Protein backbone atom coordinates (compact mmCIF):
# COMPACT_ATOMS: atom_id res chain seq x y z
CA MET A 1 -4.18 1.53 43.07
CA ARG A 2 -4.44 -2.04 41.82
CA ASP A 3 -7.75 -1.26 40.13
CA ARG A 4 -6.10 1.67 38.33
CA ILE A 5 -3.32 -0.62 37.14
CA LEU A 6 -5.90 -3.05 35.78
CA ILE A 7 -7.67 -0.19 33.97
CA LEU A 8 -4.37 0.94 32.46
CA SER A 9 -3.81 -2.65 31.36
CA VAL A 10 -7.16 -2.55 29.54
CA PHE A 11 -5.98 0.54 27.65
CA VAL A 12 -2.75 -1.19 26.62
CA VAL A 13 -4.31 -4.52 25.61
CA ALA A 14 -7.02 -2.75 23.58
CA SER A 15 -4.31 -0.82 21.73
CA CYS A 16 -2.37 -4.00 21.05
CA GLY A 17 -5.45 -5.91 19.92
CA LEU A 18 -6.38 -3.33 17.28
CA ALA A 19 -2.74 -2.94 16.24
CA TYR A 20 -2.43 -6.63 15.33
CA GLU A 21 -5.61 -6.34 13.26
CA LEU A 22 -4.31 -3.27 11.39
CA ILE A 23 -0.88 -4.84 10.81
CA ALA A 24 -2.43 -8.00 9.36
CA GLY A 25 -4.72 -6.00 7.08
CA ALA A 26 -1.92 -3.72 5.88
CA LEU A 27 0.43 -6.65 5.24
CA ALA A 28 -2.23 -8.54 3.30
CA SER A 29 -3.04 -5.49 1.17
CA TYR A 30 0.69 -4.86 0.51
CA LEU A 31 1.34 -8.42 -0.62
CA LEU A 32 -2.01 -9.52 -2.06
CA GLY A 33 -3.44 -6.22 -3.33
CA ASP A 34 -7.14 -5.23 -3.22
CA SER A 35 -6.99 -3.42 0.12
CA ILE A 36 -10.78 -3.36 0.68
CA LEU A 37 -11.11 -7.14 0.25
CA GLN A 38 -8.08 -7.83 2.44
CA PHE A 39 -9.09 -5.48 5.26
CA SER A 40 -12.72 -6.64 5.16
CA SER A 41 -11.82 -10.32 5.31
CA ILE A 42 -9.16 -9.78 7.99
CA ILE A 43 -11.52 -7.71 10.15
CA GLY A 44 -14.32 -10.25 9.71
CA CYS A 45 -12.10 -13.18 10.64
CA TYR A 46 -10.61 -11.26 13.58
CA LEU A 47 -13.97 -10.19 15.03
CA PHE A 48 -15.37 -13.70 14.65
CA ALA A 49 -12.31 -15.09 16.43
CA MET A 50 -12.76 -12.53 19.22
CA GLY A 51 -16.30 -13.81 19.68
CA VAL A 52 -14.96 -17.36 19.93
CA GLY A 53 -12.35 -16.19 22.46
CA SER A 54 -14.97 -14.40 24.55
CA HIS A 55 -16.95 -17.64 24.68
CA LEU A 56 -13.89 -19.67 25.65
CA ALA A 57 -13.12 -17.25 28.50
CA ARG A 58 -16.04 -18.70 30.45
CA TYR A 59 -14.08 -21.93 30.92
CA VAL A 60 -11.22 -20.22 32.76
CA PRO A 61 -11.56 -21.15 36.47
CA ASP A 62 -12.20 -18.36 38.96
CA GLU A 63 -9.41 -19.63 41.21
CA ASP A 64 -6.67 -18.65 38.75
CA LEU A 65 -8.01 -15.66 36.82
CA LEU A 66 -4.95 -13.46 37.29
CA GLY A 67 -2.57 -16.25 36.34
CA ARG A 68 -4.53 -17.13 33.21
CA PHE A 69 -4.75 -13.44 32.27
CA VAL A 70 -0.94 -13.32 32.42
CA ASP A 71 -0.71 -16.45 30.26
CA ILE A 72 -3.08 -14.95 27.69
CA GLU A 73 -1.06 -11.71 27.55
CA LEU A 74 2.14 -13.64 26.90
CA LEU A 75 0.51 -15.70 24.14
CA VAL A 76 -1.02 -12.61 22.52
CA GLY A 77 2.33 -10.83 22.65
CA LEU A 78 4.18 -13.84 21.22
CA PHE A 79 1.80 -14.60 18.34
CA GLY A 80 0.95 -10.97 17.60
CA GLY A 81 4.54 -9.80 17.85
CA VAL A 82 6.09 -12.31 15.46
CA ALA A 83 3.15 -12.54 13.02
CA ALA A 84 4.09 -9.75 10.58
CA THR A 85 7.75 -10.69 10.24
CA LEU A 86 6.94 -14.41 10.08
CA LEU A 87 4.38 -13.85 7.34
CA PHE A 88 6.70 -11.65 5.33
CA VAL A 89 9.49 -14.25 5.51
CA LEU A 90 7.00 -16.97 4.57
CA TYR A 91 5.77 -14.98 1.56
CA ALA A 92 9.34 -14.53 0.34
CA TRP A 93 10.14 -18.22 0.84
CA ASP A 94 6.95 -19.68 -0.66
CA ALA A 95 3.86 -17.56 -1.36
CA THR A 96 1.55 -20.59 -1.74
CA PRO A 97 0.66 -21.16 1.94
CA PHE A 98 0.77 -17.44 2.80
CA ARG A 99 -2.98 -16.82 2.77
CA THR A 100 -3.74 -19.94 4.84
CA VAL A 101 -1.12 -19.13 7.47
CA LEU A 102 -2.28 -15.49 7.53
CA TYR A 103 -5.85 -16.41 8.46
CA VAL A 104 -4.77 -19.08 10.92
CA LEU A 105 -2.63 -16.52 12.76
CA VAL A 106 -5.39 -13.89 12.62
CA PHE A 107 -7.85 -16.41 14.08
CA ILE A 108 -5.47 -17.45 16.89
CA ILE A 109 -4.63 -13.85 17.80
CA GLY A 110 -8.32 -12.88 17.62
CA CYS A 111 -9.30 -15.72 19.97
CA LEU A 112 -6.66 -14.72 22.50
CA VAL A 113 -7.56 -11.02 22.30
CA GLY A 114 -11.24 -11.93 22.70
CA MET A 115 -10.47 -13.58 26.04
CA GLU A 116 -8.72 -10.52 27.52
CA ILE A 117 -11.62 -8.19 28.33
CA PRO A 118 -13.93 -10.91 29.77
CA LEU A 119 -11.09 -12.01 32.08
CA VAL A 120 -10.41 -8.41 33.21
CA MET A 121 -14.11 -7.89 33.93
CA ARG A 122 -14.22 -11.08 35.99
CA ILE A 123 -11.12 -9.96 37.91
CA PHE A 124 -12.86 -6.66 38.69
CA ASN A 125 -15.95 -8.58 39.71
CA GLN A 126 -13.92 -10.66 42.17
CA ARG A 127 -12.68 -7.39 43.67
CA ASN A 128 -16.31 -6.43 44.39
CA THR A 129 -16.46 -3.63 41.82
CA ALA A 130 -20.04 -2.49 41.15
CA PHE A 131 -21.30 -3.82 37.83
CA ARG A 132 -22.21 -0.37 36.48
CA GLU A 133 -18.77 1.00 37.29
CA LEU A 134 -17.07 -2.17 36.04
CA VAL A 135 -18.61 -2.01 32.57
CA SER A 136 -18.13 1.75 32.31
CA ARG A 137 -14.45 1.64 33.25
CA VAL A 138 -13.47 -1.32 31.12
CA LEU A 139 -15.28 -0.28 27.94
CA THR A 140 -14.18 3.38 28.22
CA PHE A 141 -10.51 2.49 28.34
CA ASP A 142 -10.98 -0.27 25.77
CA TYR A 143 -12.30 2.25 23.24
CA LEU A 144 -9.72 4.89 24.19
CA GLY A 145 -6.94 2.38 23.52
CA ALA A 146 -8.43 1.57 20.14
CA LEU A 147 -8.61 5.27 19.26
CA ALA A 148 -4.98 5.87 20.26
CA VAL A 149 -3.56 3.10 18.09
CA SER A 150 -5.85 3.84 15.13
CA LEU A 151 -4.28 7.31 14.97
CA ALA A 152 -0.72 6.29 15.79
CA PHE A 153 -0.54 3.38 13.33
CA PRO A 154 -0.85 5.26 10.01
CA LEU A 155 0.82 8.48 11.19
CA VAL A 156 3.77 7.21 13.22
CA LEU A 157 4.19 3.45 13.49
CA ALA A 158 3.83 2.15 9.91
CA PRO A 159 5.92 4.89 8.23
CA HIS A 160 8.68 5.04 10.87
CA LEU A 161 8.89 1.53 12.34
CA GLY A 162 7.41 -0.58 9.56
CA LEU A 163 4.97 -3.45 10.02
CA GLY A 164 7.49 -5.95 11.43
CA ARG A 165 8.90 -3.75 14.18
CA SER A 166 5.44 -2.36 14.99
CA GLY A 167 4.26 -5.92 15.61
CA PHE A 168 7.18 -6.64 17.92
CA LEU A 169 6.62 -3.33 19.74
CA PHE A 170 3.03 -4.22 20.60
CA GLY A 171 4.12 -7.73 21.54
CA VAL A 172 6.56 -6.15 24.01
CA LEU A 173 3.67 -4.09 25.45
CA ASN A 174 1.58 -7.24 25.96
CA ALA A 175 4.51 -8.99 27.67
CA GLY A 176 5.07 -5.84 29.73
CA VAL A 177 1.44 -5.95 30.92
CA ALA A 178 1.99 -9.58 31.94
CA LEU A 179 5.10 -8.73 33.99
CA TRP A 180 3.41 -5.67 35.47
CA THR A 181 0.45 -7.78 36.55
CA LEU A 182 2.74 -10.41 38.11
CA GLN A 183 4.60 -7.74 40.07
CA THR A 184 1.48 -5.90 41.22
CA PHE A 185 -0.49 -9.00 42.23
CA ARG A 186 2.44 -11.20 43.19
CA GLY A 187 0.68 -12.32 46.38
CA GLU A 188 -2.39 -13.51 44.44
CA VAL A 189 -0.90 -15.27 41.39
CA ARG A 190 -0.30 -19.01 41.41
CA GLN A 191 3.01 -20.46 40.17
CA LEU A 192 4.60 -17.01 40.34
CA PRO A 193 8.25 -18.01 39.68
CA LEU A 194 7.36 -20.12 36.62
CA ARG A 195 5.10 -17.47 35.14
CA ARG A 196 7.68 -14.77 35.79
CA LEU A 197 10.31 -16.85 33.97
CA ARG A 198 7.98 -17.31 31.01
CA ALA A 199 7.28 -13.59 30.90
CA VAL A 200 10.98 -12.70 30.94
CA LEU A 201 11.73 -15.22 28.16
CA VAL A 202 8.89 -13.96 25.97
CA LEU A 203 9.85 -10.34 26.59
CA GLY A 204 13.48 -11.10 25.71
CA LEU A 205 12.45 -12.90 22.51
CA LEU A 206 10.22 -10.00 21.43
CA LEU A 207 12.88 -7.39 22.20
CA GLY A 208 15.38 -9.40 20.18
CA GLY A 209 12.87 -9.62 17.34
CA PHE A 210 12.31 -5.86 17.46
CA PHE A 211 16.01 -5.16 16.92
CA LEU A 212 16.47 -7.93 14.33
CA SER A 213 13.24 -7.32 12.43
CA GLU A 214 14.80 -5.04 9.82
CA ARG A 215 17.48 -7.63 9.05
CA LEU A 216 14.87 -10.37 8.73
CA THR A 217 12.70 -8.19 6.49
CA HIS A 218 15.71 -7.26 4.37
CA TRP A 219 16.65 -10.93 4.02
CA ALA A 220 13.08 -11.83 3.04
CA GLU A 221 12.90 -9.05 0.47
CA GLN A 222 16.30 -10.03 -0.87
CA SER A 223 14.97 -13.53 -1.42
CA LEU A 224 11.73 -12.20 -2.90
CA PHE A 225 13.29 -9.78 -5.39
CA GLY A 226 16.47 -11.71 -6.14
CA ASP A 227 18.64 -8.68 -6.94
CA PRO A 228 20.58 -6.84 -4.20
CA ILE A 229 18.46 -4.23 -2.41
CA ILE A 230 19.99 -0.75 -2.32
CA HIS A 231 17.03 1.00 -0.65
CA ALA A 232 13.91 -0.11 1.18
CA GLU A 233 11.41 1.83 3.27
CA THR A 234 7.79 1.74 4.33
CA THR A 235 6.01 5.03 3.71
CA PRO A 236 2.50 5.94 4.92
CA TYR A 237 1.24 4.81 1.51
CA GLN A 238 3.36 1.91 0.24
CA ARG A 239 6.44 -0.29 0.58
CA LEU A 240 9.18 1.14 -1.61
CA VAL A 241 12.12 -1.08 -2.66
CA VAL A 242 14.96 -0.29 -5.09
CA THR A 243 17.24 -3.10 -6.31
CA ARG A 244 20.32 -3.23 -8.52
CA TRP A 245 22.10 -5.98 -10.39
CA LYS A 246 24.98 -4.88 -12.63
CA ASP A 247 23.54 -2.01 -14.69
CA ASP A 248 19.88 -2.85 -13.95
CA THR A 249 18.17 -0.67 -11.33
CA ARG A 250 14.58 -1.60 -10.51
CA LEU A 251 11.81 0.03 -8.48
CA TYR A 252 9.13 -2.04 -6.72
CA LEU A 253 6.04 -0.62 -5.02
CA ASN A 254 4.30 -3.09 -2.70
CA GLY A 255 6.21 -5.87 -4.44
CA ASN A 256 5.12 -4.84 -7.97
CA LEU A 257 7.77 -3.87 -10.52
CA GLN A 258 7.46 -0.24 -11.65
CA PHE A 259 10.43 0.01 -13.96
CA SER A 260 13.75 -1.52 -14.98
CA SER A 261 16.46 0.94 -15.95
CA ARG A 262 17.36 -1.28 -18.91
CA ASP A 263 14.16 -0.62 -20.79
CA GLU A 264 12.22 2.11 -18.97
CA TYR A 265 13.09 4.51 -21.79
CA ARG A 266 10.71 2.55 -24.06
CA TYR A 267 7.83 3.02 -21.64
CA HIS A 268 8.51 6.70 -20.94
CA GLU A 269 9.16 7.67 -24.56
CA ALA A 270 5.86 5.99 -25.54
CA LEU A 271 4.06 7.70 -22.67
CA VAL A 272 5.31 11.24 -23.32
CA LEU A 273 6.65 11.87 -26.82
CA PRO A 274 3.65 11.08 -29.13
CA LEU A 275 1.56 13.49 -27.06
CA MET A 276 4.15 16.29 -27.02
CA GLU A 277 4.88 16.04 -30.73
CA ASN A 278 1.20 16.85 -31.35
CA LEU A 279 1.39 19.94 -29.12
CA PRO A 280 4.34 22.00 -30.37
CA TRP A 281 2.64 25.10 -28.92
CA ALA A 282 2.32 23.59 -25.40
CA ARG A 283 3.85 25.53 -22.52
CA ARG A 284 2.34 24.13 -19.32
CA VAL A 285 2.30 20.40 -18.52
CA LEU A 286 0.86 18.52 -15.52
CA VAL A 287 2.22 15.12 -14.47
CA LEU A 288 0.03 13.09 -12.09
CA GLY A 289 1.99 10.32 -10.37
CA GLY A 290 5.39 9.62 -11.89
CA GLY A 291 7.25 10.41 -8.68
CA ASP A 292 10.39 8.74 -10.07
CA GLY A 293 10.90 11.73 -12.39
CA LEU A 294 11.39 9.58 -15.51
CA ALA A 295 8.41 11.02 -17.39
CA VAL A 296 9.58 14.50 -16.39
CA ARG A 297 13.01 13.67 -17.82
CA GLN A 298 11.36 13.07 -21.21
CA LEU A 299 9.36 16.31 -20.94
CA LEU A 300 12.50 18.33 -20.26
CA LYS A 301 13.64 17.54 -23.81
CA TYR A 302 11.24 20.34 -24.73
CA PRO A 303 12.87 23.50 -23.33
CA GLN A 304 9.77 25.70 -23.51
CA LEU A 305 7.81 23.70 -20.92
CA GLN A 306 6.88 24.57 -17.33
CA ILE A 307 6.10 21.29 -15.53
CA THR A 308 4.02 20.62 -12.41
CA LEU A 309 4.28 17.13 -10.88
CA VAL A 310 1.72 15.99 -8.28
CA ASP A 311 2.64 12.77 -6.45
CA LEU A 312 1.13 11.60 -3.17
CA ASP A 313 4.25 10.13 -1.59
CA ALA A 314 6.90 12.63 -0.43
CA ALA A 315 9.23 9.71 0.33
CA MET A 316 9.12 8.70 -3.33
CA THR A 317 9.87 12.12 -4.79
CA GLY A 318 12.43 12.73 -2.05
CA LEU A 319 14.32 9.54 -2.85
CA PHE A 320 14.44 10.34 -6.57
CA SER A 321 15.58 13.89 -5.78
CA ARG A 322 18.58 12.99 -3.61
CA SER A 323 19.91 9.47 -4.35
CA PRO A 324 23.00 9.84 -6.62
CA ASP A 325 22.19 6.66 -8.56
CA LEU A 326 18.57 7.63 -9.14
CA LEU A 327 19.50 11.22 -9.94
CA ALA A 328 21.73 9.86 -12.69
CA LEU A 329 18.79 7.81 -14.00
CA ASN A 330 16.27 10.66 -14.14
CA GLN A 331 18.98 13.23 -15.00
CA ARG A 332 18.11 15.32 -11.91
CA ALA A 333 14.68 15.98 -13.42
CA LEU A 334 12.87 16.67 -10.15
CA ARG A 335 15.48 19.26 -9.19
CA HIS A 336 15.21 21.18 -12.46
CA PRO A 337 14.17 24.85 -12.03
CA LYS A 338 11.30 24.40 -14.52
CA VAL A 339 9.78 21.57 -12.45
CA LYS A 340 7.45 22.17 -9.52
CA VAL A 341 6.92 19.13 -7.26
CA ILE A 342 3.75 18.95 -5.13
CA ASN A 343 3.13 16.12 -2.66
CA ASP A 344 -0.63 15.77 -2.42
CA ASP A 345 -3.51 13.51 -3.35
CA ALA A 346 -4.09 14.05 -7.06
CA GLY A 347 -7.89 14.21 -6.76
CA ARG A 348 -7.78 16.66 -3.87
CA TRP A 349 -5.24 18.87 -5.63
CA LEU A 350 -7.26 18.95 -8.84
CA GLU A 351 -10.39 19.92 -6.91
CA GLN A 352 -8.61 22.80 -5.18
CA SER A 353 -6.55 24.06 -8.12
CA SER A 354 -7.82 26.39 -10.86
CA GLU A 355 -4.80 25.93 -13.16
CA VAL A 356 -5.25 24.90 -16.80
CA PHE A 357 -2.63 22.85 -18.67
CA ASP A 358 -1.87 22.19 -22.31
CA ALA A 359 -0.99 18.54 -21.61
CA ILE A 360 -1.57 16.11 -18.76
CA ILE A 361 0.55 12.96 -18.25
CA VAL A 362 -1.21 10.40 -16.03
CA ASP A 363 1.34 7.90 -14.70
CA PHE A 364 -0.42 6.27 -11.75
CA PRO A 365 0.34 2.71 -10.55
CA ASP A 366 -1.90 -0.03 -11.92
CA PRO A 367 -5.46 -0.16 -10.48
CA SER A 368 -4.78 -3.12 -8.21
CA SER A 369 -6.87 -1.77 -5.30
CA PHE A 370 -9.96 0.37 -4.80
CA GLY A 371 -7.77 3.20 -3.52
CA LEU A 372 -5.98 3.25 -6.88
CA GLY A 373 -9.06 2.37 -8.90
CA LYS A 374 -10.73 5.69 -8.01
CA LEU A 375 -7.91 7.45 -9.90
CA TYR A 376 -9.14 5.74 -13.08
CA SER A 377 -12.84 6.56 -12.61
CA VAL A 378 -15.26 8.65 -14.68
CA PRO A 379 -15.41 11.48 -12.08
CA MET A 380 -11.61 11.62 -11.92
CA TYR A 381 -11.24 11.88 -15.70
CA ARG A 382 -13.93 14.56 -15.83
CA LEU A 383 -12.02 16.46 -13.17
CA MET A 384 -8.81 16.15 -15.20
CA SER A 385 -10.59 17.39 -18.34
CA HIS A 386 -11.56 20.59 -16.52
CA HIS A 387 -7.84 21.37 -16.19
CA LEU A 388 -7.11 20.69 -19.86
CA SER A 389 -7.02 23.51 -22.40
CA VAL A 390 -9.48 23.50 -25.30
CA ASN A 391 -7.07 21.84 -27.73
CA GLY A 392 -4.98 20.07 -25.09
CA LEU A 393 -4.33 16.35 -24.77
CA MET A 394 -3.81 13.89 -21.93
CA VAL A 395 -2.29 10.42 -21.91
CA VAL A 396 -2.96 7.64 -19.40
CA GLN A 397 -0.80 4.60 -18.68
CA SER A 398 -3.36 1.83 -18.95
CA THR A 399 -1.82 -1.60 -18.05
CA SER A 400 -1.43 -4.33 -20.69
CA PRO A 401 -3.91 -4.75 -23.58
CA TYR A 402 -2.48 -8.26 -24.09
CA PHE A 403 -2.36 -9.66 -20.54
CA ALA A 404 -5.16 -7.52 -19.04
CA PRO A 405 -7.51 -6.69 -21.93
CA ARG A 406 -10.61 -6.11 -19.78
CA SER A 407 -8.69 -3.60 -17.67
CA TYR A 408 -7.20 -1.81 -20.67
CA TRP A 409 -10.43 -1.37 -22.57
CA CYS A 410 -12.26 -0.48 -19.35
CA ILE A 411 -9.93 2.52 -18.97
CA GLU A 412 -10.61 3.48 -22.59
CA ALA A 413 -14.38 3.16 -22.03
CA THR A 414 -14.09 5.23 -18.87
CA LEU A 415 -12.34 8.07 -20.69
CA ARG A 416 -15.08 8.05 -23.34
CA ALA A 417 -17.77 8.00 -20.62
CA ALA A 418 -16.12 11.12 -19.18
CA GLY A 419 -16.79 12.92 -22.49
CA LEU A 420 -13.32 12.57 -24.04
CA GLN A 421 -12.30 11.18 -27.41
CA THR A 422 -9.58 8.53 -27.31
CA TRP A 423 -6.66 7.15 -29.33
CA PRO A 424 -5.50 3.82 -27.79
CA TYR A 425 -1.99 2.52 -28.46
CA HIS A 426 0.58 0.07 -27.09
CA ALA A 427 4.34 -0.55 -26.97
CA TYR A 428 6.55 -3.52 -26.18
CA VAL A 429 8.57 -3.08 -22.98
CA PRO A 430 10.68 -6.21 -22.29
CA SER A 431 10.23 -6.06 -18.51
CA PHE A 432 6.42 -5.95 -18.83
CA GLY A 433 5.58 -7.29 -22.29
CA GLU A 434 3.00 -5.43 -24.37
CA TRP A 435 1.99 -2.33 -22.45
CA GLY A 436 -0.90 0.00 -23.11
CA PHE A 437 -1.50 3.75 -23.19
CA ILE A 438 -4.50 5.83 -24.14
CA MET A 439 -4.36 9.32 -25.57
CA ALA A 440 -7.46 11.39 -24.85
CA GLY A 441 -8.72 14.91 -25.31
CA PRO A 442 -11.82 17.08 -25.62
CA MET A 443 -13.86 16.86 -28.80
CA THR A 444 -12.11 19.97 -30.12
CA ALA A 445 -8.64 18.38 -29.86
CA ARG A 446 -6.86 16.69 -32.74
CA PHE A 447 -4.24 13.94 -32.68
CA ALA A 448 -2.23 12.04 -35.29
CA PRO A 449 0.62 9.56 -34.68
CA PRO A 450 3.81 11.57 -35.34
CA GLY A 451 5.90 10.70 -38.38
CA ARG A 452 9.04 12.29 -36.93
CA TYR A 453 10.32 13.57 -33.59
CA ARG A 454 11.91 16.92 -32.84
CA VAL A 455 13.82 15.50 -29.87
CA PRO A 456 16.36 12.65 -29.58
CA THR A 457 14.88 9.17 -29.05
CA ARG A 458 16.20 5.69 -28.39
CA PHE A 459 13.06 3.70 -29.27
CA LEU A 460 10.59 5.75 -31.25
CA ASN A 461 10.72 6.54 -34.94
CA ALA A 462 8.10 6.77 -37.67
CA GLU A 463 7.80 2.99 -38.12
CA SER A 464 7.69 2.03 -34.41
CA THR A 465 5.14 4.78 -33.81
CA ARG A 466 2.92 3.56 -36.65
CA LEU A 467 2.94 0.04 -35.18
CA MET A 468 2.03 1.35 -31.72
CA PHE A 469 -1.32 2.63 -32.96
CA SER A 470 -2.18 -0.62 -34.76
CA PHE A 471 -3.70 -3.48 -32.74
CA PRO A 472 -3.13 -7.04 -34.08
CA PRO A 473 -5.91 -9.68 -34.05
CA ASP A 474 -4.75 -11.14 -30.69
CA MET A 475 -5.36 -7.77 -28.98
CA PRO A 476 -8.96 -7.02 -30.02
CA ARG A 477 -11.22 -4.41 -28.41
CA TRP A 478 -13.31 -5.79 -25.53
CA LYS A 479 -16.81 -4.63 -24.67
CA VAL A 480 -16.64 -3.70 -20.99
CA GLU A 481 -18.27 -1.33 -18.52
CA PRO A 482 -16.69 2.05 -17.67
CA ASN A 483 -15.20 2.42 -14.20
CA GLN A 484 -17.74 4.26 -12.08
CA LEU A 485 -16.66 5.37 -8.61
CA ASN A 486 -19.43 3.48 -6.81
CA THR A 487 -18.85 0.13 -8.56
CA GLN A 488 -15.10 0.14 -9.35
CA ALA A 489 -15.52 -2.35 -12.20
CA LEU A 490 -11.91 -1.75 -13.24
CA VAL A 491 -10.47 -3.25 -10.05
CA HIS A 492 -12.52 -6.41 -10.60
CA TYR A 493 -11.44 -6.60 -14.24
CA PHE A 494 -7.81 -6.08 -13.23
CA GLU A 495 -7.98 -8.89 -10.67
CA GLN A 496 -9.66 -11.27 -13.15
CA ASP A 497 -7.14 -10.51 -15.90
CA TRP A 498 -3.97 -10.94 -13.90
CA ARG A 499 -5.26 -13.97 -11.99
CA GLN A 500 -5.24 -15.83 -15.30
CA VAL A 501 -1.66 -14.78 -16.04
CA LEU A 502 0.29 -14.80 -12.76
CA ARG A 503 1.38 -18.10 -11.28
């Protein structure tokens, strides 16, 4: 029975060990961007630290293996449990030391986790378990635990509990293993009363952190964003935060501003109206991204349109379909009978669909990670072009030609590499500065900057439109490589550009 309890402990500690690694990687990618770099560096540091911990386990004396195993579990639970919330609060307070503290915590947790399995195997060895059976049992349940948490983390824990509470939950499990071990082997553990007191204190601290984590996260985000937060949630794909100060409502995804209600009309008029004025015959329009419904709001100025919106995150489109404040902002666009909302990966949906559209609006987030960068690649644009009618047009939001010129002209080069002709342009949006867009279409399509608009506008007229399609000397064309799927040059350009701008 005691051996079975030890095996069950292996399952739990393996789950916790992988969970801390996933939480650290997800948090780093949320706050620092470039998910592949963050996960790769976190995993590398963590595995190296586990190797160090496995080596250090040899110095634990045989006379107190069970007691030291309990101590390790409590330390893992304490450091692993508080890490995510502590890092988030630190990032909000002062982002400068964030990366250093992140890797220090990952290394400490990795060392402690690396000591767990060697200690369990030595405990089994002391109990005269055959070596073949010992290795088989321990590694089987170690891998099973890793499988369980790798499935539960993206499907259940991250979207429903968030990173902070998930960390505390696994910390509680580690502390629970420690208490369970003390109770089961109470006749064999040295300093039992002291270790039991420590376990109860750590467990109480972690339980308190679990229930207070949302408040701490809210406080940290409040400090980070400045304006009062009216909605915050972690979805399977991103951290979504909405703030409001006076008449200014703002949306942040993974800490990056997506729009301000004070000037978003400039962005969305520039994105949608020049294209639609060139397609008075258009009837069917596809919007990729744009789950806030603001681009759709502009499209609904044209009563003849049937609109399909494809956005990955159901939480995003759901929020902008039910929140009274956000419904007022997008004028209930996503609930309009002429709008069909589909929650799916844009690439997958395009591959499976046979529909053809007269216009395509591409309103994806900036290519700050490889997951987003693939949406701006040559194969993706070729796939989009297959869904575009012979004389149809598409427009792509393309980051800033002033602050991120490599990125902007890389997107333009990518569209041309996909066999499309392009018409680059830009508009000034106070919240972002100069922002870029690129009109594109097959070689049979024609485009000219409109001299008048058939629909009401707040920003665009003949003169402002003319200036949008003229690039001044301080925004010249750059010679850059197109964004191929296997190299993702755009993500590297994006990181280089904004590293020189952001402080």
